[in-house]
């Protein structure tokens, strides 16, 4: 998966960046948001 799929034509992103490592996106799960790089988790 290329990084370009994460950005719209105007440079916006549908997902938010991780507040801890700030260079990866948070994956949205049913009950939480999770960063696969640093394991940061925010519960919904």
Protein backbone atom coordinates (compact mmCIF):
# COMPACT_ATOMS: atom_id res chain seq x y z
CA UNK A 1 0.00 0.00 0.00
CA UNK A 2 1.49 3.29 -1.06
CA UNK A 3 1.39 6.36 1.15
CA UNK A 4 -0.32 8.36 -1.60
CA UNK A 5 -3.58 6.47 -1.05
CA UNK A 6 -3.84 8.10 2.39
CA UNK A 7 -4.07 11.64 1.01
CA UNK A 8 -6.80 13.37 -0.98
CA UNK A 9 -6.17 15.68 -3.93
CA UNK A 10 -6.06 18.68 -1.59
CA UNK A 11 -3.58 17.05 0.81
CA UNK A 12 -6.18 16.22 3.45
CA UNK A 13 -6.26 12.90 5.28
CA UNK A 14 -9.34 10.89 6.28
CA UNK A 15 -7.54 9.50 9.35
CA UNK A 16 -5.74 11.44 12.05
CA UNK A 17 -2.02 11.24 12.78
CA UNK A 18 -0.70 9.57 15.89
CA UNK A 19 -0.05 12.17 18.63
CA UNK A 20 2.90 10.17 19.99
CA UNK A 21 5.04 9.41 16.93
CA UNK A 22 3.30 11.85 14.51
CA UNK A 23 4.40 10.13 11.30
CA UNK A 24 1.81 7.35 11.04
CA UNK A 25 -1.96 7.24 10.97
CA UNK A 26 -4.30 5.87 13.61
CA UNK A 27 -6.22 2.79 12.50
CA UNK A 28 -9.90 2.95 13.39
CA UNK A 29 -11.32 -0.15 15.06
CA UNK A 30 -14.82 -0.69 16.49
CA UNK A 31 -13.84 0.34 20.01
CA UNK A 32 -10.52 2.21 19.65
CA UNK A 33 -8.01 4.08 17.49
CA UNK A 34 -4.59 2.40 17.35
CA UNK A 35 -1.13 3.24 16.03
CA UNK A 36 0.68 0.21 14.64
CA UNK A 37 4.09 1.83 14.94
CA UNK A 38 4.22 2.90 18.61
CA UNK A 39 1.15 1.02 19.97
CA UNK A 40 -0.61 4.21 21.09
CA UNK A 41 -4.31 3.44 21.76
CA UNK A 42 -7.20 5.83 22.30
CA UNK A 43 -10.52 4.27 23.30
CA UNK A 44 -13.74 5.52 21.79
